[in-house]
C-alpha atoms as a PDB file:
ATOM      1  CA  MET A   1      17.629  -1.328 -20.372  1.00  0.00           C
ATOM      2  CA  GLY A   2      14.996  -2.329 -22.861  1.00  0.00           C
ATOM      3  CA  LEU A   3      13.130  -5.185 -24.460  1.00  0.00           C
ATOM      4  CA  ALA A   4      14.538  -7.184 -27.360  1.00  0.00           C
ATOM      5  CA  ILE A   5      12.984 -10.008 -29.354  1.00  0.00           C
ATOM      6  CA  THR A   6      14.213 -12.373 -32.014  1.00  0.00           C
ATOM      7  CA  GLN A   7      13.179 -11.821 -35.596  1.00  0.00           C
ATOM      8  CA  LYS A   8      11.315 -15.119 -35.474  1.00  0.00           C
ATOM      9  CA  GLY A   9       9.117 -13.768 -32.679  1.00  0.00           C
ATOM     10  CA  LEU A  10       8.249 -10.534 -34.496  1.00  0.00           C
ATOM     11  CA  GLY A  11       5.143 -11.989 -36.140  1.00  0.00           C
ATOM     12  CA  ALA A  12       3.785 -13.251 -32.830  1.00  0.00           C
ATOM     13  CA  LEU A  13       4.287  -9.808 -31.271  1.00  0.00           C
ATOM     14  CA  GLU A  14       2.470  -8.107 -34.141  1.00  0.00           C
ATOM     15  CA  ASP A  15      -0.426 -10.572 -33.838  1.00  0.00           C
ATOM     16  CA  PHE A  16      -0.609  -9.910 -30.097  1.00  0.00           C
ATOM     17  CA  VAL A  17      -0.704  -6.131 -30.493  1.00  0.00           C
ATOM     18  CA  TYR A  18      -3.241  -6.259 -33.325  1.00  0.00           C
ATOM     19  CA  SER A  19      -5.573  -8.602 -31.428  1.00  0.00           C
ATOM     20  CA  ARG A  20      -5.520  -6.339 -28.358  1.00  0.00           C
ATOM     21  CA  HIS A  21      -6.216  -3.279 -30.487  1.00  0.00           C
ATOM     22  CA  GLN A  22      -9.134  -5.040 -32.173  1.00  0.00           C
ATOM     23  CA  MET A  23     -10.469  -6.221 -28.812  1.00  0.00           C
ATOM     24  CA  TYR A  24     -10.549  -2.610 -27.635  1.00  0.00           C
ATOM     25  CA  ARG A  25     -12.437  -1.549 -30.746  1.00  0.00           C
ATOM     26  CA  LYS A  26     -14.858  -4.489 -30.862  1.00  0.00           C
ATOM     27  CA  VAL A  27     -15.510  -4.949 -27.128  1.00  0.00           C
ATOM     28  CA  TYR A  28     -14.977  -1.709 -25.213  1.00  0.00           C
ATOM     29  CA  ALA A  29     -16.215   0.463 -28.085  1.00  0.00           C
ATOM     30  CA  HIS A  30     -19.059  -1.916 -28.994  1.00  0.00           C
ATOM     31  CA  LYS A  31     -22.390  -0.266 -29.749  1.00  0.00           C
ATOM     32  CA  THR A  32     -24.160  -2.059 -26.882  1.00  0.00           C
ATOM     33  CA  ALA A  33     -21.457  -1.251 -24.324  1.00  0.00           C
ATOM     34  CA  LEU A  34     -21.329   2.455 -25.182  1.00  0.00           C
ATOM     35  CA  GLY A  35     -25.112   2.703 -25.380  1.00  0.00           C
ATOM     36  CA  PHE A  36     -25.561   1.169 -21.941  1.00  0.00           C
ATOM     37  CA  ASP A  37     -22.847   3.422 -20.519  1.00  0.00           C
ATOM     38  CA  TRP A  38     -24.745   6.465 -21.805  1.00  0.00           C
ATOM     39  CA  LEU A  39     -28.044   5.249 -20.347  1.00  0.00           C
ATOM     40  CA  LEU A  40     -26.411   4.446 -17.014  1.00  0.00           C
ATOM     41  CA  ARG A  41     -24.850   7.900 -16.695  1.00  0.00           C
ATOM     42  CA  GLU A  42     -28.147   9.597 -17.502  1.00  0.00           C
ATOM     43  CA  ALA A  43     -30.004   7.403 -14.986  1.00  0.00           C
ATOM     44  CA  ILE A  44     -27.442   8.229 -12.290  1.00  0.00           C
ATOM     45  CA  ASN A  45     -27.962  11.929 -13.025  1.00  0.00           C
ATOM     46  CA  GLU A  46     -31.697  11.410 -12.458  1.00  0.00           C
ATOM     47  CA  VAL A  47     -31.004   9.739  -9.116  1.00  0.00           C
ATOM     48  CA  LEU A  48     -28.746  12.605  -8.056  1.00  0.00           C
ATOM     49  CA  GLU A  49     -31.548  15.100  -8.682  1.00  0.00           C
ATOM     50  CA  ASP A  50     -33.115  13.767  -5.480  1.00  0.00           C
ATOM     51  CA  PRO A  51     -31.566  15.773  -2.579  1.00  0.00           C
ATOM     52  CA  GLU A  52     -31.563  12.801  -0.214  1.00  0.00           C
ATOM     53  CA  SER A  53     -29.782  10.554  -2.702  1.00  0.00           C
ATOM     54  CA  PHE A  54     -27.338  13.318  -3.609  1.00  0.00           C
ATOM     55  CA  ASP A  55     -26.437  13.932   0.042  1.00  0.00           C
ATOM     56  CA  TRP A  56     -25.865  10.213   0.638  1.00  0.00           C
ATOM     57  CA  VAL A  57     -23.635   9.831  -2.432  1.00  0.00           C
ATOM     58  CA  ASP A  58     -21.727  12.984  -1.478  1.00  0.00           C
ATOM     59  CA  THR A  59     -21.198  11.653   2.050  1.00  0.00           C
ATOM     60  CA  CYS A  60     -19.911   8.306   0.784  1.00  0.00           C
ATOM     61  CA  LEU A  61     -17.524   9.940  -1.675  1.00  0.00           C
ATOM     62  CA  SER A  62     -16.281  12.494   0.849  1.00  0.00           C
ATOM     63  CA  ASN A  63     -15.634  10.126   3.748  1.00  0.00           C
ATOM     64  CA  MET A  64     -13.736   6.866   3.243  1.00  0.00           C
ATOM     65  CA  LYS A  65     -15.480   5.493   6.322  1.00  0.00           C
ATOM     66  CA  TRP A  66     -18.724   5.377   4.342  1.00  0.00           C
ATOM     67  CA  PHE A  67     -17.323   4.689   0.867  1.00  0.00           C
ATOM     68  CA  ALA A  68     -18.023   0.949   1.060  1.00  0.00           C
ATOM     69  CA  GLU A  69     -21.713   1.738   1.623  1.00  0.00           C
ATOM     70  CA  LEU A  70     -22.025   3.156  -1.897  1.00  0.00           C
ATOM     71  CA  THR A  71     -23.003  -0.132  -3.522  1.00  0.00           C
ATOM     72  CA  ASP A  72     -24.552  -1.228  -6.797  1.00  0.00           C
ATOM     73  CA  ASN A  73     -27.632  -2.202  -4.804  1.00  0.00           C
ATOM     74  CA  PHE A  74     -28.080   1.409  -3.652  1.00  0.00           C
ATOM     75  CA  PHE A  75     -28.227   2.670  -7.232  1.00  0.00           C
ATOM     76  CA  TRP A  76     -30.405  -0.213  -8.391  1.00  0.00           C
ATOM     77  CA  GLU A  77     -33.006   0.559  -5.731  1.00  0.00           C
ATOM     78  CA  ALA A  78     -32.694   4.276  -6.487  1.00  0.00           C
ATOM     79  CA  PHE A  79     -33.407   3.582 -10.174  1.00  0.00           C
ATOM     80  CA  ARG A  80     -36.502   1.617  -9.147  1.00  0.00           C
ATOM     81  CA  LYS A  81     -37.652   4.449  -6.911  1.00  0.00           C
ATOM     82  CA  VAL A  82     -37.322   7.034  -9.677  1.00  0.00           C
ATOM     83  CA  ALA A  83     -39.011   4.759 -12.227  1.00  0.00           C
ATOM     84  CA  ARG A  84     -41.979   4.115  -9.881  1.00  0.00           C
ATOM     85  CA  ARG A  85     -42.442   7.693  -8.769  1.00  0.00           C
ATOM     86  CA  GLU A  86     -42.031   9.232 -12.191  1.00  0.00           C
ATOM     87  CA  PRO A  87     -41.227   6.984 -15.140  1.00  0.00           C
ATOM     88  CA  ARG A  88     -38.611   9.242 -16.647  1.00  0.00           C
ATOM     89  CA  ILE A  89     -36.966   7.559 -19.535  1.00  0.00           C
ATOM     90  CA  TYR A  90     -33.477   6.685 -18.281  1.00  0.00           C
ATOM     91  CA  SER A  91     -34.154   5.079 -14.890  1.00  0.00           C
ATOM     92  CA  PHE A  92     -37.143   3.323 -16.434  1.00  0.00           C
ATOM     93  CA  CYS A  93     -34.879   1.931 -19.169  1.00  0.00           C
ATOM     94  CA  ILE A  94     -32.336   0.634 -16.663  1.00  0.00           C
ATOM     95  CA  VAL A  95     -34.987  -1.073 -14.521  1.00  0.00           C
ATOM     96  CA  ASN A  96     -36.781  -2.605 -17.497  1.00  0.00           C
ATOM     97  CA  ARG A  97     -33.631  -3.379 -19.498  1.00  0.00           C
ATOM     98  CA  VAL A  98     -34.645  -1.196 -22.418  1.00  0.00           C
ATOM     99  CA  LYS A  99     -31.603  -0.424 -24.537  1.00  0.00           C
ATOM    100  CA  LEU A 100     -30.898   2.353 -26.984  1.00  0.00           C
ATOM    101  CA  ASP A 101     -31.923   1.566 -30.551  1.00  0.00           C
ATOM    102  CA  HIS A 102     -28.681   1.545 -32.565  1.00  0.00           C
ATOM    103  CA  VAL A 103     -29.024   3.265 -35.926  1.00  0.00           C
ATOM    104  CA  ASP A 104     -25.563   3.775 -37.410  1.00  0.00           C
ATOM    105  CA  THR A 105     -21.818   3.778 -36.762  1.00  0.00           C
ATOM    106  CA  ARG A 106     -19.230   6.101 -38.279  1.00  0.00           C
ATOM    107  CA  GLU A 107     -15.522   6.630 -37.749  1.00  0.00           C
ATOM    108  CA  ASN A 108     -13.313   9.695 -37.522  1.00  0.00           C
ATOM    109  CA  LEU A 109     -16.035  12.333 -37.679  1.00  0.00           C
ATOM    110  CA  ASP A 110     -15.424  15.743 -36.154  1.00  0.00           C
ATOM    111  CA  LYS A 111     -18.050  17.503 -34.034  1.00  0.00           C
ATOM    112  CA  THR A 112     -19.622  19.277 -36.994  1.00  0.00           C
ATOM    113  CA  GLU A 113     -19.836  16.081 -39.032  1.00  0.00           C
ATOM    114  CA  ILE A 114     -21.396  14.228 -36.088  1.00  0.00           C
ATOM    115  CA  LEU A 115     -24.032  16.951 -35.732  1.00  0.00           C
ATOM    116  CA  ASN A 116     -24.768  16.962 -39.460  1.00  0.00           C
ATOM    117  CA  HIS A 117     -25.055  13.180 -39.589  1.00  0.00           C
ATOM    118  CA  SER A 118     -27.364  13.211 -36.561  1.00  0.00           C
ATOM    119  CA  ARG A 119     -29.630  15.704 -38.300  1.00  0.00           C
ATOM    120  CA  TRP A 120     -29.602  13.649 -41.490  1.00  0.00           C
ATOM    121  CA  LEU A 121     -30.534  10.480 -39.604  1.00  0.00           C
ATOM    122  CA  ALA A 122     -33.333  12.317 -37.807  1.00  0.00           C
ATOM    123  CA  SER A 123     -34.660  13.582 -41.135  1.00  0.00           C
ATOM    124  CA  GLU A 124     -34.565  10.107 -42.673  1.00  0.00           C
ATOM    125  CA  LEU A 125     -36.223   8.554 -39.619  1.00  0.00           C
ATOM    126  CA  GLY A 126     -38.802  11.325 -39.363  1.00  0.00           C
ATOM    127  CA  ILE A 127     -37.959  12.148 -35.750  1.00  0.00           C
ATOM    128  CA  ASN A 128     -36.806  15.168 -33.763  1.00  0.00           C
ATOM    129  CA  PRO A 129     -33.008  15.649 -34.020  1.00  0.00           C
ATOM    130  CA  ASP A 130     -32.912  15.750 -30.207  1.00  0.00           C
ATOM    131  CA  ASN A 131     -33.986  12.102 -30.229  1.00  0.00           C
ATOM    132  CA  VAL A 132     -30.748  11.032 -31.919  1.00  0.00           C
ATOM    133  CA  VAL A 133     -28.097  10.192 -29.322  1.00  0.00           C
ATOM    134  CA  THR A 134     -24.383   9.857 -30.064  1.00  0.00           C
ATOM    135  CA  CYS A 135     -21.628   8.068 -28.141  1.00  0.00           C
ATOM    136  CA  SER A 136     -17.974   8.328 -29.147  1.00  0.00           C
ATOM    137  CA  MET A 137     -14.809   6.585 -28.043  1.00  0.00           C
ATOM    138  CA  LYS A 138     -11.238   7.123 -29.185  1.00  0.00           C
ATOM    139  CA  ALA A 139      -9.121   4.114 -30.106  1.00  0.00           C
ATOM    140  CA  ARG A 140      -5.593   5.388 -29.500  1.00  0.00           C
ATOM    141  CA  PHE A 141      -3.174   3.180 -31.372  1.00  0.00           C
ATOM    142  CA  SER A 142      -0.483   5.791 -30.674  1.00  0.00           C
ATOM    143  CA  ASN A 143      -0.498   4.695 -27.009  1.00  0.00           C
ATOM    144  CA  ILE A 144       0.501   1.216 -28.149  1.00  0.00           C
ATOM    145  CA  GLN A 145       2.965   2.569 -30.688  1.00  0.00           C
ATOM    146  CA  ASP A 146       4.812   4.693 -28.141  1.00  0.00           C
ATOM    147  CA  ASN A 147       5.369   1.665 -25.921  1.00  0.00           C
ATOM    148  CA  PHE A 148       6.576  -0.626 -28.687  1.00  0.00           C
ATOM    149  CA  ASN A 149       8.744   1.723 -30.747  1.00  0.00           C
ATOM    150  CA  GLY A 150      11.557   1.282 -28.227  1.00  0.00           C
ATOM    151  CA  ILE A 151      11.697  -2.481 -28.720  1.00  0.00           C
ATOM    152  CA  LYS A 152      14.728  -3.857 -30.545  1.00  0.00           C
ATOM    153  CA  VAL A 153      14.852  -6.899 -32.776  1.00  0.00           C
ATOM    154  CA  LEU A 154      17.768  -9.312 -32.883  1.00  0.00           C
ATOM    155  CA  VAL A 155      18.525  -9.794 -36.580  1.00  0.00           C
ATOM    156  CA  GLN A 156      21.102 -11.944 -38.297  1.00  0.00           C
ATOM    157  CA  ASN A 157      23.311 -10.814 -41.164  1.00  0.00           C
ATOM    158  CA  PRO A 158      22.653 -13.239 -44.040  1.00  0.00           C
ATOM    159  CA  ILE A 159      26.309 -13.164 -45.112  1.00  0.00           C
ATOM    160  CA  THR A 160      28.389 -13.030 -41.942  1.00  0.00           C
ATOM    161  CA  ARG A 161      25.709 -14.664 -39.737  1.00  0.00           C
ATOM    162  CA  GLU A 162      26.505 -12.082 -37.093  1.00  0.00           C
ATOM    163  CA  ARG A 163      23.656 -10.868 -34.927  1.00  0.00           C
ATOM    164  CA  SER A 164      22.864  -7.271 -34.065  1.00  0.00           C
ATOM    165  CA  LEU A 165      20.049  -5.277 -32.501  1.00  0.00           C
ATOM    166  CA  ARG A 166      17.958  -2.961 -34.646  1.00  0.00           C
ATOM    167  CA  LYS A 167      14.968  -0.795 -33.783  1.00  0.00           C
ATOM    168  CA  ILE A 168      11.666  -2.498 -34.434  1.00  0.00           C
ATOM    169  CA  THR A 169      10.612   0.363 -36.726  1.00  0.00           C
ATOM    170  CA  GLU A 170      13.601  -0.426 -38.966  1.00  0.00           C
ATOM    171  CA  VAL A 171      12.591  -4.065 -39.290  1.00  0.00           C
ATOM    172  CA  SER A 172       8.789  -3.901 -39.399  1.00  0.00           C
ATOM    173  CA  ALA A 173       6.344  -1.414 -40.917  1.00  0.00           C
ATOM    174  CA  PHE A 174       3.510  -2.909 -38.867  1.00  0.00           C
ATOM    175  CA  PHE A 175       3.156  -0.042 -36.406  1.00  0.00           C
ATOM    176  CA  SER A 176       3.017   2.581 -39.149  1.00  0.00           C
ATOM    177  CA  LYS A 177      -0.076   0.973 -40.694  1.00  0.00           C
ATOM    178  CA  PHE A 178      -2.409   2.046 -37.915  1.00  0.00           C
ATOM    179  CA  GLY A 179      -3.365   5.339 -36.343  1.00  0.00           C
ATOM    180  CA  ASP A 180      -5.711   6.835 -33.789  1.00  0.00           C
ATOM    181  CA  GLY A 181      -9.391   6.779 -34.608  1.00  0.00           C
ATOM    182  CA  THR A 182     -12.718   7.811 -33.136  1.00  0.00           C
ATOM    183  CA  ILE A 183     -15.690   5.464 -33.240  1.00  0.00           C
ATOM    184  CA  THR A 184     -19.095   7.145 -33.026  1.00  0.00           C
ATOM    185  CA  HIS A 185     -22.344   5.246 -32.583  1.00  0.00           C
ATOM    186  CA  PHE A 186     -25.697   6.855 -33.348  1.00  0.00           C
ATOM    187  CA  TYR A 187     -28.804   5.775 -31.466  1.00  0.00           C
ATOM    188  CA  ARG A 188     -32.472   6.580 -31.364  1.00  0.00           C
ATOM    189  CA  ARG A 189     -33.791   7.355 -27.906  1.00  0.00           C
ATOM    190  CA  PRO A 190     -35.952   4.422 -26.742  1.00  0.00           C
ATOM    191  CA  GLU A 191     -39.690   4.835 -26.929  1.00  0.00           C
ATOM    192  CA  VAL A 192     -41.243   4.021 -23.574  1.00  0.00           C
ATOM    193  CA  ALA A 193     -44.775   4.421 -22.280  1.00  0.00           C
ATOM    194  CA  GLU A 194     -45.690   7.778 -20.803  1.00  0.00           C
ATOM    195  CA  LYS A 195     -46.858   5.977 -17.685  1.00  0.00           C
ATOM    196  CA  ALA A 196     -45.102   3.221 -15.808  1.00  0.00           C
ATOM    197  CA  PRO A 197     -46.631  -0.278 -15.902  1.00  0.00           C
ATOM    198  CA  SER A 198     -49.020  -1.027 -13.054  1.00  0.00           C
ATOM    199  CA  ASP A 199     -46.529  -3.276 -11.278  1.00  0.00           C
ATOM    200  CA  LEU A 200     -44.062  -0.388 -11.053  1.00  0.00           C
ATOM    201  CA  THR A 201     -46.464   2.307  -9.918  1.00  0.00           C
ATOM    202  CA  GLU A 202     -46.456   3.339  -6.251  1.00  0.00           C
END
């Protein structure tokens, strides 16, 4: 059993696959999406430093009876609590909708190249290298390729007009044009006040 398409439908299939691949790169790996994900994870880590919050999260994750109690509202209020008590940068940023300042984007850098580029950006910006944040995401075209290589295309012999099935890789070079890649965004840590605004202070 397998999937077969007509040769006429090959172009539509290629357009479909390419558009989904581009959506992954442009939406899920977008600089704003990855930057917010990084901030959110760091803010959650701040919340979990509080023993009471940690115990509650652990209880909810350990017992399905309480799992539904672990809501977005819990974390939102926890972020507010941390930001009021001590305006540490990440919870404060979530509460006040302060996003990471995007500086640059590069593709297919290894760990050493990412570190070197971070240091170069810090030098050019005149800031501490620790204030350059990186977020990476892999765009695995091979996952798509593996699923589509088994598709067969119904082709017609131009002389005999007979139809036969051929592997899609024998008919189209589309899937060989793309490969896996890693998208890395570079950000500058947001500058926030050392003290919380008066309306946030307990």
